[in-house]
Structure formats: structure tokens, C-alpha cells
Amino acid sequence: MYDTLKLKHQVTQLPKEVIEQQESPFFWKGLKWTPIFNKKTNQVKAYETTVSNLRLELKGNIISCNNSLQKWYMGNNYELFTYSQVVKALEKLDSVLPFNVYDAKIHYLAVGTVIEEKAQPILNTWLSLNGKQPESMLGNNKQYGKKFYFTDYNVKGYDKTFEVKTHERIKLNKPLFRFELEIYTRNLNKRKNSIGIYTVHDLIDKVKYQMLADELLSKYDKIEKQQSIPLSQLNNKEKEVLALFQNQEILQQYKIDHFETFSIRRKVYNRIKKLSNDKYLIHVKKQLKTSVKHTLF
């Protein structure tokens, strides 16, 4: 379920090369560190190294580590990444990084899952999330996904088969849809029902892992989707409300021009949504729920 992580660790004993701002590469903790120069002053501003696909940067006394944990451990993120695999991956990561990985602070993480479904029919139903419309994810001048951008988190869904073929030149023989939540930990921790993700050690807490899985599914549920509702069961007022909420451009302007009645119409829309019996939407939700459940082992 975990994908990209952004970790930070405070170094208590810096190598003399860093203290002296050495301008040539050096070895420390079994890794070759290369200086990064400030383009304006031409002075050393940090040092960088890599561990497979993971990028490490040492700036001041802080080491940051960014990239996909799943890709580092499994070589891809189009398969399921289970809890037991996460535990093993972090054990391995702890053995190769130049610090105790479990004590490292987490500033950002991405969680996601994959289902065997064509992406476009799923994406075609997406209208908005918390009043915001999605932006297109493009590759080779083709829309292959949609993404919602917010201050503390992003939500995206995309054609994983297309992405892998385009970026990694790997041809998968089945359609895969990937759903992801990218989130800054401040969003998880500074809320009423805090999940409490502060250090890497929290990632192997099974209770918190389950809470993150629930968070992922919750974000999918909150995406406003094109509904298939039997019109014969609606009165004229309800049909007007349905038409309003299924057209995002008109809806956003309505919220501005008629804010005093918007909440009333939202309640009507929430009520008539319960009449929806869209078998396709139900199927996709069930697939995602089953996929996430399989990552818990």
C-alpha cells in the first residue's frame, strides 16, 4: 500500500568533509556523496547520493530520503504491496541507509492500490472532490489519469498499464487502474481523529496501517461521481437538483450566486444519491475495497 516516502533524519556527528564544505565527492557510511552547488554563489549547499532508486540529500545536519519504497523493494508499484512486505522492506532499508530508519521523521507519504480494471470508464465518472474539479494527467499527449490538488494532500487515479508502458517500456498484458492518496503527515496528525504518523516506526503499527487504508478508501468515496439514478422516481424539483450537481461548471457558479440555498439543495442531492443503483460504480468500489483488504496481510 505504501509508495513514495519523504523521510528526514538529524545527524548528530557530521563527517569532516561536510563541516569543511569539501567541493569534491567523498565516502561516508559506505556511500559516495557528491556536492551540490548553489548556482549563484557557486558554494556547496548540500551533498547527495543514491541507494538504488532512493535519493538521499545531506543539507546542514539533516539527511532527507525520497522516492518509492515499493519500487525500491519490489522493482514496481503495479503489484500489491502488502503489510508483511512493508515490514520486510523497512528492515532491508534500515540495513542499507546510514541511519536508524525507524527513528526518521516522515513528512510526506503516498498510499495506493491497484485493481484489474480499465481506467478510462472509472475516470469518466469523476466530477469533483470537495468542490474542486480534477486536472488531467498527461503522457504522450494523452490523458491517462486525473488528479485533485489540495494544500495538504492530492488524490489521483490513472491507467497504470499505460504509465508503465510509457515510462518504463514494460508491456503489461492486462488493464490496471491505480488509485493513490499523496498526503503530508501534518494533515494526518493535526486533526480531530489523528492517525499519528510521525516516524517510520508508525508505518509498521498495524492499527495505523489499517487507519491509512481506511483513509485511502474514504477519499475515493468522497469523489463526486456521475450517478445513474432512475428519473422516474424523482419529482421535477429533484430532477433539477440532479442536473445541477452533475454539471460542475454550473454548480460552482450556483454556489457563488445562490450560497443561501446551496446547502438545502446539497441535502436533496445527498438524499437522491441513495437511489443510485449503478452496478458499475458498486463494482469498482468493491474491487478497491477487496484490493486494499489484501494489502493488510
C-alpha atoms as a PDB file:
ATOM      1  CA  MET A   1       0.000   0.000   0.000  1.00  0.00           C
ATOM      2  CA  TYR A   2       2.860   2.445   0.738  1.00  0.00           C
ATOM      3  CA  ASP A   3       4.564   4.056  -2.213  1.00  0.00           C
ATOM      4  CA  THR A   4       6.533   7.313  -2.040  1.00  0.00           C
ATOM      5  CA  LEU A   5       8.020   8.335   1.308  1.00  0.00           C
ATOM      6  CA  LYS A   6       9.830  11.533   2.270  1.00  0.00           C
ATOM      7  CA  LEU A   7      11.953  10.969   5.366  1.00  0.00           C
ATOM      8  CA  LYS A   8      14.203  13.290   7.357  1.00  0.00           C
ATOM      9  CA  HIS A   9      16.846  12.374   9.913  1.00  0.00           C
ATOM     10  CA  GLN A  10      19.025  14.638  12.058  1.00  0.00           C
ATOM     11  CA  VAL A  11      22.725  13.710  12.029  1.00  0.00           C
ATOM     12  CA  THR A  12      24.497  14.122  15.363  1.00  0.00           C
ATOM     13  CA  GLN A  13      28.054  13.613  14.086  1.00  0.00           C
ATOM     14  CA  LEU A  14      28.761  15.105  10.681  1.00  0.00           C
ATOM     15  CA  PRO A  15      31.787  13.934   8.666  1.00  0.00           C
ATOM     16  CA  LYS A  16      34.653  16.442   8.494  1.00  0.00           C
ATOM     17  CA  GLU A  17      34.129  16.754   4.716  1.00  0.00           C
ATOM     18  CA  VAL A  18      30.695  18.285   5.339  1.00  0.00           C
ATOM     19  CA  ILE A  19      31.919  20.559   8.121  1.00  0.00           C
ATOM     20  CA  GLU A  20      34.707  21.812   5.849  1.00  0.00           C
ATOM     21  CA  GLN A  21      32.303  22.019   2.859  1.00  0.00           C
ATOM     22  CA  GLN A  22      34.524  19.848   0.683  1.00  0.00           C
ATOM     23  CA  GLU A  23      33.973  20.511  -3.006  1.00  0.00           C
ATOM     24  CA  SER A  24      34.802  17.006  -4.228  1.00  0.00           C
ATOM     25  CA  PRO A  25      32.990  13.667  -3.705  1.00  0.00           C
ATOM     26  CA  PHE A  26      33.784  11.631  -0.582  1.00  0.00           C
ATOM     27  CA  PHE A  27      32.757   8.332   1.010  1.00  0.00           C
ATOM     28  CA  TRP A  28      30.800   8.266   4.262  1.00  0.00           C
ATOM     29  CA  LYS A  29      28.782   5.435   5.815  1.00  0.00           C
ATOM     30  CA  GLY A  30      29.646   3.236   2.831  1.00  0.00           C
ATOM     31  CA  LEU A  31      28.113   5.664   0.315  1.00  0.00           C
ATOM     32  CA  LYS A  32      29.664   8.106  -2.154  1.00  0.00           C
ATOM     33  CA  TRP A  33      28.441  11.654  -1.520  1.00  0.00           C
ATOM     34  CA  THR A  34      28.610  14.256  -4.287  1.00  0.00           C
ATOM     35  CA  PRO A  35      28.436  18.022  -3.641  1.00  0.00           C
ATOM     36  CA  ILE A  36      25.532  20.124  -4.912  1.00  0.00           C
ATOM     37  CA  PHE A  37      26.493  23.711  -5.693  1.00  0.00           C
ATOM     38  CA  ASN A  38      24.474  26.899  -5.386  1.00  0.00           C
ATOM     39  CA  LYS A  39      24.203  28.229  -8.957  1.00  0.00           C
ATOM     40  CA  LYS A  40      24.503  31.864  -7.873  1.00  0.00           C
ATOM     41  CA  THR A  41      27.302  31.690  -5.295  1.00  0.00           C
ATOM     42  CA  ASN A  42      28.960  28.506  -6.603  1.00  0.00           C
ATOM     43  CA  GLN A  43      29.308  27.344  -2.991  1.00  0.00           C
ATOM     44  CA  VAL A  44      28.402  23.882  -1.725  1.00  0.00           C
ATOM     45  CA  LYS A  45      24.823  23.857  -0.450  1.00  0.00           C
ATOM     46  CA  ALA A  46      24.335  20.102   0.122  1.00  0.00           C
ATOM     47  CA  TYR A  47      25.565  16.604  -0.721  1.00  0.00           C
ATOM     48  CA  GLU A  48      23.673  13.819  -2.457  1.00  0.00           C
ATOM     49  CA  THR A  49      23.877  10.082  -3.016  1.00  0.00           C
ATOM     50  CA  THR A  50      21.592   7.258  -4.128  1.00  0.00           C
ATOM     51  CA  VAL A  51      20.650   3.812  -2.879  1.00  0.00           C
ATOM     52  CA  SER A  52      19.123   2.150  -5.952  1.00  0.00           C
ATOM     53  CA  ASN A  53      16.169   4.416  -6.809  1.00  0.00           C
ATOM     54  CA  LEU A  54      16.199   6.239  -3.456  1.00  0.00           C
ATOM     55  CA  ARG A  55      17.743   9.720  -3.419  1.00  0.00           C
ATOM     56  CA  LEU A  56      19.485  10.923  -0.272  1.00  0.00           C
ATOM     57  CA  GLU A  57      20.443  14.542   0.348  1.00  0.00           C
ATOM     58  CA  LEU A  58      22.530  15.826   3.260  1.00  0.00           C
ATOM     59  CA  LYS A  59      21.899  19.518   3.871  1.00  0.00           C
ATOM     60  CA  GLY A  60      23.284  21.009   7.054  1.00  0.00           C
ATOM     61  CA  ASN A  61      22.797  18.250   9.598  1.00  0.00           C
ATOM     62  CA  ILE A  62      19.620  16.834   8.006  1.00  0.00           C
ATOM     63  CA  ILE A  63      19.527  13.802   5.718  1.00  0.00           C
ATOM     64  CA  SER A  64      16.409  13.543   3.560  1.00  0.00           C
ATOM     65  CA  CYS A  65      15.415  10.389   1.695  1.00  0.00           C
ATOM     66  CA  ASN A  66      12.826  10.488  -1.094  1.00  0.00           C
ATOM     67  CA  ASN A  67      11.230   8.084  -3.556  1.00  0.00           C
ATOM     68  CA  SER A  68       9.090   4.957  -3.835  1.00  0.00           C
ATOM     69  CA  LEU A  69       9.628   2.346  -1.123  1.00  0.00           C
ATOM     70  CA  GLN A  70       7.673  -0.206  -3.139  1.00  0.00           C
ATOM     71  CA  LYS A  71       9.725   0.325  -6.305  1.00  0.00           C
ATOM     72  CA  TRP A  72      12.925   0.133  -4.251  1.00  0.00           C
ATOM     73  CA  TYR A  73      11.885  -3.179  -2.699  1.00  0.00           C
ATOM     74  CA  MET A  74       9.807  -4.824  -5.457  1.00  0.00           C
ATOM     75  CA  GLY A  75      11.007  -3.060  -8.595  1.00  0.00           C
ATOM     76  CA  ASN A  76       7.495  -1.847  -9.472  1.00  0.00           C
ATOM     77  CA  ASN A  77       4.323  -0.396  -7.999  1.00  0.00           C
ATOM     78  CA  TYR A  78       1.805  -2.141 -10.226  1.00  0.00           C
ATOM     79  CA  GLU A  79       1.545  -5.146  -7.919  1.00  0.00           C
ATOM     80  CA  LEU A  80       0.034  -5.199  -4.440  1.00  0.00           C
ATOM     81  CA  PHE A  81       2.426  -4.166  -1.667  1.00  0.00           C
ATOM     82  CA  THR A  82       1.252  -5.912   1.489  1.00  0.00           C
ATOM     83  CA  TYR A  83       1.824  -5.104   5.149  1.00  0.00           C
ATOM     84  CA  SER A  84       4.188  -8.069   5.605  1.00  0.00           C
ATOM     85  CA  GLN A  85       6.200  -6.928   2.571  1.00  0.00           C
ATOM     86  CA  VAL A  86       6.361  -3.403   4.004  1.00  0.00           C
ATOM     87  CA  VAL A  87       7.819  -4.765   7.246  1.00  0.00           C
ATOM     88  CA  LYS A  88      10.489  -6.661   5.308  1.00  0.00           C
ATOM     89  CA  ALA A  89      11.203  -3.692   3.047  1.00  0.00           C
ATOM     90  CA  LEU A  90      11.803  -1.393   6.023  1.00  0.00           C
ATOM     91  CA  GLU A  91      14.039  -3.979   7.669  1.00  0.00           C
ATOM     92  CA  LYS A  92      16.118  -4.097   4.491  1.00  0.00           C
ATOM     93  CA  LEU A  93      16.087  -0.302   4.156  1.00  0.00           C
ATOM     94  CA  ASP A  94      17.309   0.058   7.728  1.00  0.00           C
ATOM     95  CA  SER A  95      20.292  -2.146   6.885  1.00  0.00           C
ATOM     96  CA  VAL A  96      21.436  -0.014   3.932  1.00  0.00           C
ATOM     97  CA  LEU A  97      20.705   3.581   4.985  1.00  0.00           C
ATOM     98  CA  PRO A  98      23.299   5.454   7.066  1.00  0.00           C
ATOM     99  CA  PHE A  99      20.894   5.976   9.980  1.00  0.00           C
ATOM    100  CA  ASN A 100      18.225   4.190  12.007  1.00  0.00           C
ATOM    101  CA  VAL A 101      15.350   4.360   9.550  1.00  0.00           C
ATOM    102  CA  TYR A 102      12.673   3.686  12.200  1.00  0.00           C
ATOM    103  CA  ASP A 103      13.580   6.912  14.019  1.00  0.00           C
ATOM    104  CA  ALA A 104      13.412   9.031  10.842  1.00  0.00           C
ATOM    105  CA  LYS A 105      10.598  11.570  10.696  1.00  0.00           C
ATOM    106  CA  ILE A 106       8.019  11.270   7.927  1.00  0.00           C
ATOM    107  CA  HIS A 107       6.891  14.480   6.263  1.00  0.00           C
ATOM    108  CA  TYR A 108       5.023  13.023   3.311  1.00  0.00           C
ATOM    109  CA  LEU A 109       3.789   9.649   2.134  1.00  0.00           C
ATOM    110  CA  ALA A 110       1.716   8.158  -0.642  1.00  0.00           C
ATOM    111  CA  VAL A 111      -0.569   5.166  -0.227  1.00  0.00           C
ATOM    112  CA  GLY A 112      -2.289   3.399  -3.081  1.00  0.00           C
ATOM    113  CA  THR A 113      -3.668   0.228  -4.529  1.00  0.00           C
ATOM    114  CA  VAL A 114      -4.215  -1.384  -7.929  1.00  0.00           C
ATOM    115  CA  ILE A 115      -7.216  -3.170  -9.436  1.00  0.00           C
ATOM    116  CA  GLU A 116      -7.596  -5.006 -12.727  1.00  0.00           C
ATOM    117  CA  GLU A 117      -9.955  -2.601 -14.477  1.00  0.00           C
ATOM    118  CA  LYS A 118      -9.802  -0.241 -17.449  1.00  0.00           C
ATOM    119  CA  ALA A 119      -9.009   3.231 -16.163  1.00  0.00           C
ATOM    120  CA  GLN A 120     -10.977   5.437 -18.554  1.00  0.00           C
ATOM    121  CA  PRO A 121     -14.502   4.231 -17.663  1.00  0.00           C
ATOM    122  CA  ILE A 122     -13.688   4.831 -13.980  1.00  0.00           C
ATOM    123  CA  LEU A 123     -12.200   8.276 -14.607  1.00  0.00           C
ATOM    124  CA  ASN A 124     -15.132   9.278 -16.819  1.00  0.00           C
ATOM    125  CA  THR A 125     -17.404   9.158 -13.753  1.00  0.00           C
ATOM    126  CA  TRP A 126     -15.237  11.535 -11.672  1.00  0.00           C
ATOM    127  CA  LEU A 127     -16.764  15.012 -11.304  1.00  0.00           C
ATOM    128  CA  SER A 128     -15.216  16.713  -8.266  1.00  0.00           C
ATOM    129  CA  LEU A 129     -13.760  16.320  -4.791  1.00  0.00           C
ATOM    130  CA  ASN A 130     -14.652  18.814  -2.065  1.00  0.00           C
ATOM    131  CA  GLY A 131     -15.896  21.167  -4.769  1.00  0.00           C
ATOM    132  CA  LYS A 132     -12.711  21.013  -6.843  1.00  0.00           C
ATOM    133  CA  GLN A 133     -12.562  19.538 -10.335  1.00  0.00           C
ATOM    134  CA  PRO A 134      -9.715  17.174 -11.280  1.00  0.00           C
ATOM    135  CA  GLU A 135      -6.804  18.080 -13.533  1.00  0.00           C
ATOM    136  CA  SER A 136      -5.683  15.804 -16.348  1.00  0.00           C
ATOM    137  CA  MET A 137      -2.574  13.651 -16.046  1.00  0.00           C
ATOM    138  CA  LEU A 138      -0.921  13.621 -19.463  1.00  0.00           C
ATOM    139  CA  GLY A 139       1.581  11.316 -21.134  1.00  0.00           C
ATOM    140  CA  ASN A 140       2.480  11.253 -24.831  1.00  0.00           C
ATOM    141  CA  ASN A 141      -0.178  13.961 -25.328  1.00  0.00           C
ATOM    142  CA  LYS A 142      -2.822  11.598 -23.962  1.00  0.00           C
ATOM    143  CA  GLN A 143      -4.885  11.866 -20.803  1.00  0.00           C
ATOM    144  CA  TYR A 144      -4.205   8.725 -18.812  1.00  0.00           C
ATOM    145  CA  GLY A 145      -5.337   9.886 -15.383  1.00  0.00           C
ATOM    146  CA  LYS A 146      -6.988  12.548 -13.238  1.00  0.00           C
ATOM    147  CA  LYS A 147      -5.630  14.291 -10.145  1.00  0.00           C
ATOM    148  CA  PHE A 148      -7.117  16.518  -7.443  1.00  0.00           C
ATOM    149  CA  TYR A 149      -4.671  19.016  -5.919  1.00  0.00           C
ATOM    150  CA  PHE A 150      -5.124  20.332  -2.375  1.00  0.00           C
ATOM    151  CA  THR A 151      -2.846  22.101   0.107  1.00  0.00           C
ATOM    152  CA  ASP A 152      -2.146  19.098   2.346  1.00  0.00           C
ATOM    153  CA  TYR A 153      -2.938  16.187   0.058  1.00  0.00           C
ATOM    154  CA  ASN A 154      -3.532  15.072  -3.521  1.00  0.00           C
ATOM    155  CA  VAL A 155      -5.769  12.309  -4.864  1.00  0.00           C
ATOM    156  CA  LYS A 156      -5.200  10.642  -8.218  1.00  0.00           C
ATOM    157  CA  GLY A 157      -6.331   7.745 -10.341  1.00  0.00           C
ATOM    158  CA  TYR A 158      -4.673   6.644 -13.546  1.00  0.00           C
ATOM    159  CA  ASP A 159      -4.086   3.984 -16.167  1.00  0.00           C
ATOM    160  CA  LYS A 160      -1.173   2.064 -14.666  1.00  0.00           C
ATOM    161  CA  THR A 161      -0.769  -0.132 -17.749  1.00  0.00           C
ATOM    162  CA  PHE A 162      -0.278   2.943 -19.945  1.00  0.00           C
ATOM    163  CA  GLU A 163       2.049   4.626 -17.444  1.00  0.00           C
ATOM    164  CA  VAL A 164       4.312   1.585 -17.141  1.00  0.00           C
ATOM    165  CA  LYS A 165       4.477   1.147 -20.909  1.00  0.00           C
ATOM    166  CA  THR A 166       5.214   4.854 -21.470  1.00  0.00           C
ATOM    167  CA  HIS A 167       7.768   5.450 -18.711  1.00  0.00           C
ATOM    168  CA  GLU A 168       9.350   2.041 -18.206  1.00  0.00           C
ATOM    169  CA  ARG A 169       8.835   0.388 -21.614  1.00  0.00           C
ATOM    170  CA  ILE A 170       7.171  -2.585 -19.926  1.00  0.00           C
ATOM    171  CA  LYS A 171       4.094  -4.088 -21.552  1.00  0.00           C
ATOM    172  CA  LEU A 172       1.551  -5.467 -19.125  1.00  0.00           C
ATOM    173  CA  ASN A 173      -0.977  -7.898 -20.542  1.00  0.00           C
ATOM    174  CA  LYS A 174      -3.913  -6.647 -18.517  1.00  0.00           C
ATOM    175  CA  PRO A 175      -5.618  -3.313 -17.802  1.00  0.00           C
ATOM    176  CA  LEU A 176      -4.659  -1.891 -14.406  1.00  0.00           C
ATOM    177  CA  PHE A 177      -6.122   1.105 -12.594  1.00  0.00           C
ATOM    178  CA  ARG A 178      -4.157   2.645  -9.723  1.00  0.00           C
ATOM    179  CA  PHE A 179      -5.726   4.848  -7.054  1.00  0.00           C
ATOM    180  CA  GLU A 180      -3.446   6.919  -4.801  1.00  0.00           C
ATOM    181  CA  LEU A 181      -3.536   9.360  -1.925  1.00  0.00           C
ATOM    182  CA  GLU A 182      -0.487  11.611  -1.514  1.00  0.00           C
ATOM    183  CA  ILE A 183      -0.539  13.300   1.872  1.00  0.00           C
ATOM    184  CA  TYR A 184       1.576  15.462   4.173  1.00  0.00           C
ATOM    185  CA  THR A 185       1.671  13.970   7.646  1.00  0.00           C
ATOM    186  CA  ARG A 186       0.572  17.262   9.203  1.00  0.00           C
ATOM    187  CA  ASN A 187      -2.831  16.539   7.644  1.00  0.00           C
ATOM    188  CA  LEU A 188      -2.954  13.152   9.373  1.00  0.00           C
ATOM    189  CA  ASN A 189      -1.734  14.383  12.744  1.00  0.00           C
ATOM    190  CA  LYS A 190      -3.387  17.772  13.244  1.00  0.00           C
ATOM    191  CA  ARG A 191      -6.987  16.660  13.076  1.00  0.00           C
ATOM    192  CA  LYS A 192      -9.720  15.543  15.451  1.00  0.00           C
ATOM    193  CA  ASN A 193      -9.235  11.838  14.760  1.00  0.00           C
ATOM    194  CA  SER A 194      -5.448  11.876  14.407  1.00  0.00           C
ATOM    195  CA  ILE A 195      -3.786   8.829  12.872  1.00  0.00           C
ATOM    196  CA  GLY A 196      -0.401   9.772  14.326  1.00  0.00           C
ATOM    197  CA  ILE A 197       2.227   9.212  11.638  1.00  0.00           C
ATOM    198  CA  TYR A 198       5.403  10.843  12.935  1.00  0.00           C
ATOM    199  CA  THR A 199       8.253   8.398  12.339  1.00  0.00           C
ATOM    200  CA  VAL A 200       8.856   5.347  10.160  1.00  0.00           C
ATOM    201  CA  HIS A 201       8.129   3.185  13.184  1.00  0.00           C
ATOM    202  CA  ASP A 202       4.489   4.316  12.928  1.00  0.00           C
ATOM    203  CA  LEU A 203       4.268   2.787   9.442  1.00  0.00           C
ATOM    204  CA  ILE A 204       4.553  -0.729  10.839  1.00  0.00           C
ATOM    205  CA  ASP A 205       1.906  -0.156  13.501  1.00  0.00           C
ATOM    206  CA  LYS A 206      -0.858  -2.452  12.224  1.00  0.00           C
ATOM    207  CA  VAL A 207      -3.638  -0.301  13.688  1.00  0.00           C
ATOM    208  CA  LYS A 208      -2.307   2.835  11.977  1.00  0.00           C
ATOM    209  CA  TYR A 209      -1.777   0.876   8.749  1.00  0.00           C
ATOM    210  CA  GLN A 210      -5.486  -0.035   8.833  1.00  0.00           C
ATOM    211  CA  MET A 211      -6.398   3.594   9.502  1.00  0.00           C
ATOM    212  CA  LEU A 212      -4.389   4.698   6.453  1.00  0.00           C
ATOM    213  CA  ALA A 213      -6.153   2.039   4.377  1.00  0.00           C
ATOM    214  CA  ASP A 214      -9.486   3.444   5.573  1.00  0.00           C
ATOM    215  CA  GLU A 215      -8.279   6.967   4.729  1.00  0.00           C
ATOM    216  CA  LEU A 216      -7.499   5.870   1.167  1.00  0.00           C
ATOM    217  CA  LEU A 217     -10.945   4.333   0.655  1.00  0.00           C
ATOM    218  CA  SER A 218     -12.619   7.306   2.325  1.00  0.00           C
ATOM    219  CA  LYS A 219     -11.060   9.680  -0.193  1.00  0.00           C
ATOM    220  CA  TYR A 220     -12.388   7.546  -3.055  1.00  0.00           C
ATOM    221  CA  ASP A 221     -15.879   7.581  -1.536  1.00  0.00           C
ATOM    222  CA  LYS A 222     -15.789  11.394  -1.282  1.00  0.00           C
ATOM    223  CA  ILE A 223     -15.155  11.842  -5.010  1.00  0.00           C
ATOM    224  CA  GLU A 224     -18.361  13.116  -6.577  1.00  0.00           C
ATOM    225  CA  LYS A 225     -19.226  10.727  -9.413  1.00  0.00           C
ATOM    226  CA  GLN A 226     -21.656  10.687 -12.293  1.00  0.00           C
ATOM    227  CA  GLN A 227     -24.698   8.917 -10.882  1.00  0.00           C
ATOM    228  CA  SER A 228     -27.119   6.589 -12.614  1.00  0.00           C
ATOM    229  CA  ILE A 229     -30.405   7.420 -10.894  1.00  0.00           C
ATOM    230  CA  PRO A 230     -33.838   6.329 -12.219  1.00  0.00           C
ATOM    231  CA  LEU A 231     -35.506   9.607 -13.238  1.00  0.00           C
ATOM    232  CA  SER A 232     -38.965   8.054 -12.947  1.00  0.00           C
ATOM    233  CA  GLN A 233     -38.506   8.012  -9.172  1.00  0.00           C
ATOM    234  CA  LEU A 234     -37.786  11.758  -8.978  1.00  0.00           C
ATOM    235  CA  ASN A 235     -40.125  14.722  -8.911  1.00  0.00           C
ATOM    236  CA  ASN A 236     -39.372  17.800 -11.003  1.00  0.00           C
ATOM    237  CA  LYS A 237     -37.525  19.612  -8.209  1.00  0.00           C
ATOM    238  CA  GLU A 238     -35.298  16.563  -7.612  1.00  0.00           C
ATOM    239  CA  LYS A 239     -34.532  16.297 -11.327  1.00  0.00           C
ATOM    240  CA  GLU A 240     -33.404  19.933 -11.315  1.00  0.00           C
ATOM    241  CA  VAL A 241     -31.131  19.274  -8.335  1.00  0.00           C
ATOM    242  CA  LEU A 242     -29.660  16.190 -10.018  1.00  0.00           C
ATOM    243  CA  ALA A 243     -28.959  18.140 -13.211  1.00  0.00           C
ATOM    244  CA  LEU A 244     -27.334  20.925 -11.177  1.00  0.00           C
ATOM    245  CA  PHE A 245     -24.966  18.660  -9.253  1.00  0.00           C
ATOM    246  CA  GLN A 246     -23.955  16.637 -12.289  1.00  0.00           C
ATOM    247  CA  ASN A 247     -22.731  19.770 -14.120  1.00  0.00           C
ATOM    248  CA  GLN A 248     -19.682  21.041 -12.238  1.00  0.00           C
ATOM    249  CA  GLU A 249     -19.282  24.319 -14.115  1.00  0.00           C
ATOM    250  CA  ILE A 250     -22.853  25.391 -13.390  1.00  0.00           C
ATOM    251  CA  LEU A 251     -22.650  24.050  -9.833  1.00  0.00           C
ATOM    252  CA  GLN A 252     -19.602  26.185  -8.958  1.00  0.00           C
ATOM    253  CA  GLN A 253     -21.302  29.326 -10.237  1.00  0.00           C
ATOM    254  CA  TYR A 254     -24.513  28.409  -8.411  1.00  0.00           C
ATOM    255  CA  LYS A 255     -22.571  28.171  -5.127  1.00  0.00           C
ATOM    256  CA  ILE A 256     -21.375  31.733  -5.675  1.00  0.00           C
ATOM    257  CA  ASP A 257     -24.673  33.234  -6.830  1.00  0.00           C
ATOM    258  CA  HIS A 258     -27.051  31.308  -4.552  1.00  0.00           C
ATOM    259  CA  PHE A 259     -24.998  30.359  -1.498  1.00  0.00           C
ATOM    260  CA  GLU A 260     -28.032  30.819   0.756  1.00  0.00           C
ATOM    261  CA  THR A 261     -29.880  27.879  -0.873  1.00  0.00           C
ATOM    262  CA  PHE A 262     -26.909  25.717  -1.818  1.00  0.00           C
ATOM    263  CA  SER A 263     -26.841  23.707   1.430  1.00  0.00           C
ATOM    264  CA  ILE A 264     -30.553  22.920   1.052  1.00  0.00           C
ATOM    265  CA  ARG A 265     -30.002  21.591  -2.464  1.00  0.00           C
ATOM    266  CA  ARG A 266     -26.962  19.624  -1.315  1.00  0.00           C
ATOM    267  CA  LYS A 267     -29.145  17.810   1.230  1.00  0.00           C
ATOM    268  CA  VAL A 268     -31.645  16.954  -1.510  1.00  0.00           C
ATOM    269  CA  TYR A 269     -28.856  15.678  -3.746  1.00  0.00           C
ATOM    270  CA  ASN A 270     -27.360  13.541  -0.952  1.00  0.00           C
ATOM    271  CA  ARG A 271     -30.789  12.021  -0.398  1.00  0.00           C
ATOM    272  CA  ILE A 272     -31.488  11.197  -4.041  1.00  0.00           C
ATOM    273  CA  LYS A 273     -27.975   9.770  -4.493  1.00  0.00           C
ATOM    274  CA  LYS A 274     -29.100   6.921  -2.256  1.00  0.00           C
ATOM    275  CA  LEU A 275     -31.467   5.890  -5.050  1.00  0.00           C
ATOM    276  CA  SER A 276     -28.497   5.184  -7.297  1.00  0.00           C
ATOM    277  CA  ASN A 277     -28.036   1.561  -8.210  1.00  0.00           C
ATOM    278  CA  ASP A 278     -25.114   1.987 -10.601  1.00  0.00           C
ATOM    279  CA  LYS A 279     -23.744  -1.545 -10.775  1.00  0.00           C
ATOM    280  CA  TYR A 280     -20.501  -0.362 -12.341  1.00  0.00           C
ATOM    281  CA  LEU A 281     -19.719   2.122  -9.543  1.00  0.00           C
ATOM    282  CA  ILE A 282     -20.612  -0.511  -6.955  1.00  0.00           C
ATOM    283  CA  HIS A 283     -18.318  -2.998  -8.716  1.00  0.00           C
ATOM    284  CA  VAL A 284     -15.340  -0.594  -8.792  1.00  0.00           C
ATOM    285  CA  LYS A 285     -15.768   0.302  -5.131  1.00  0.00           C
ATOM    286  CA  LYS A 286     -15.927  -3.381  -4.209  1.00  0.00           C
ATOM    287  CA  GLN A 287     -12.767  -4.064  -6.240  1.00  0.00           C
ATOM    288  CA  LEU A 288     -10.857  -1.282  -4.468  1.00  0.00           C
ATOM    289  CA  LYS A 289     -12.066  -2.431  -1.071  1.00  0.00           C
ATOM    290  CA  THR A 290     -11.002  -6.025  -1.788  1.00  0.00           C
ATOM    291  CA  SER A 291      -7.613  -4.897  -3.105  1.00  0.00           C
ATOM    292  CA  VAL A 292      -6.905  -2.792  -0.015  1.00  0.00           C
ATOM    293  CA  LYS A 293      -8.030  -5.658   2.222  1.00  0.00           C
ATOM    294  CA  HIS A 294      -5.463  -7.926   0.566  1.00  0.00           C
ATOM    295  CA  THR A 295      -2.668  -5.485   1.465  1.00  0.00           C
ATOM    296  CA  LEU A 296      -3.382  -5.876   5.159  1.00  0.00           C
ATOM    297  CA  PHE A 297      -1.642  -9.234   5.423  1.00  0.00           C
END
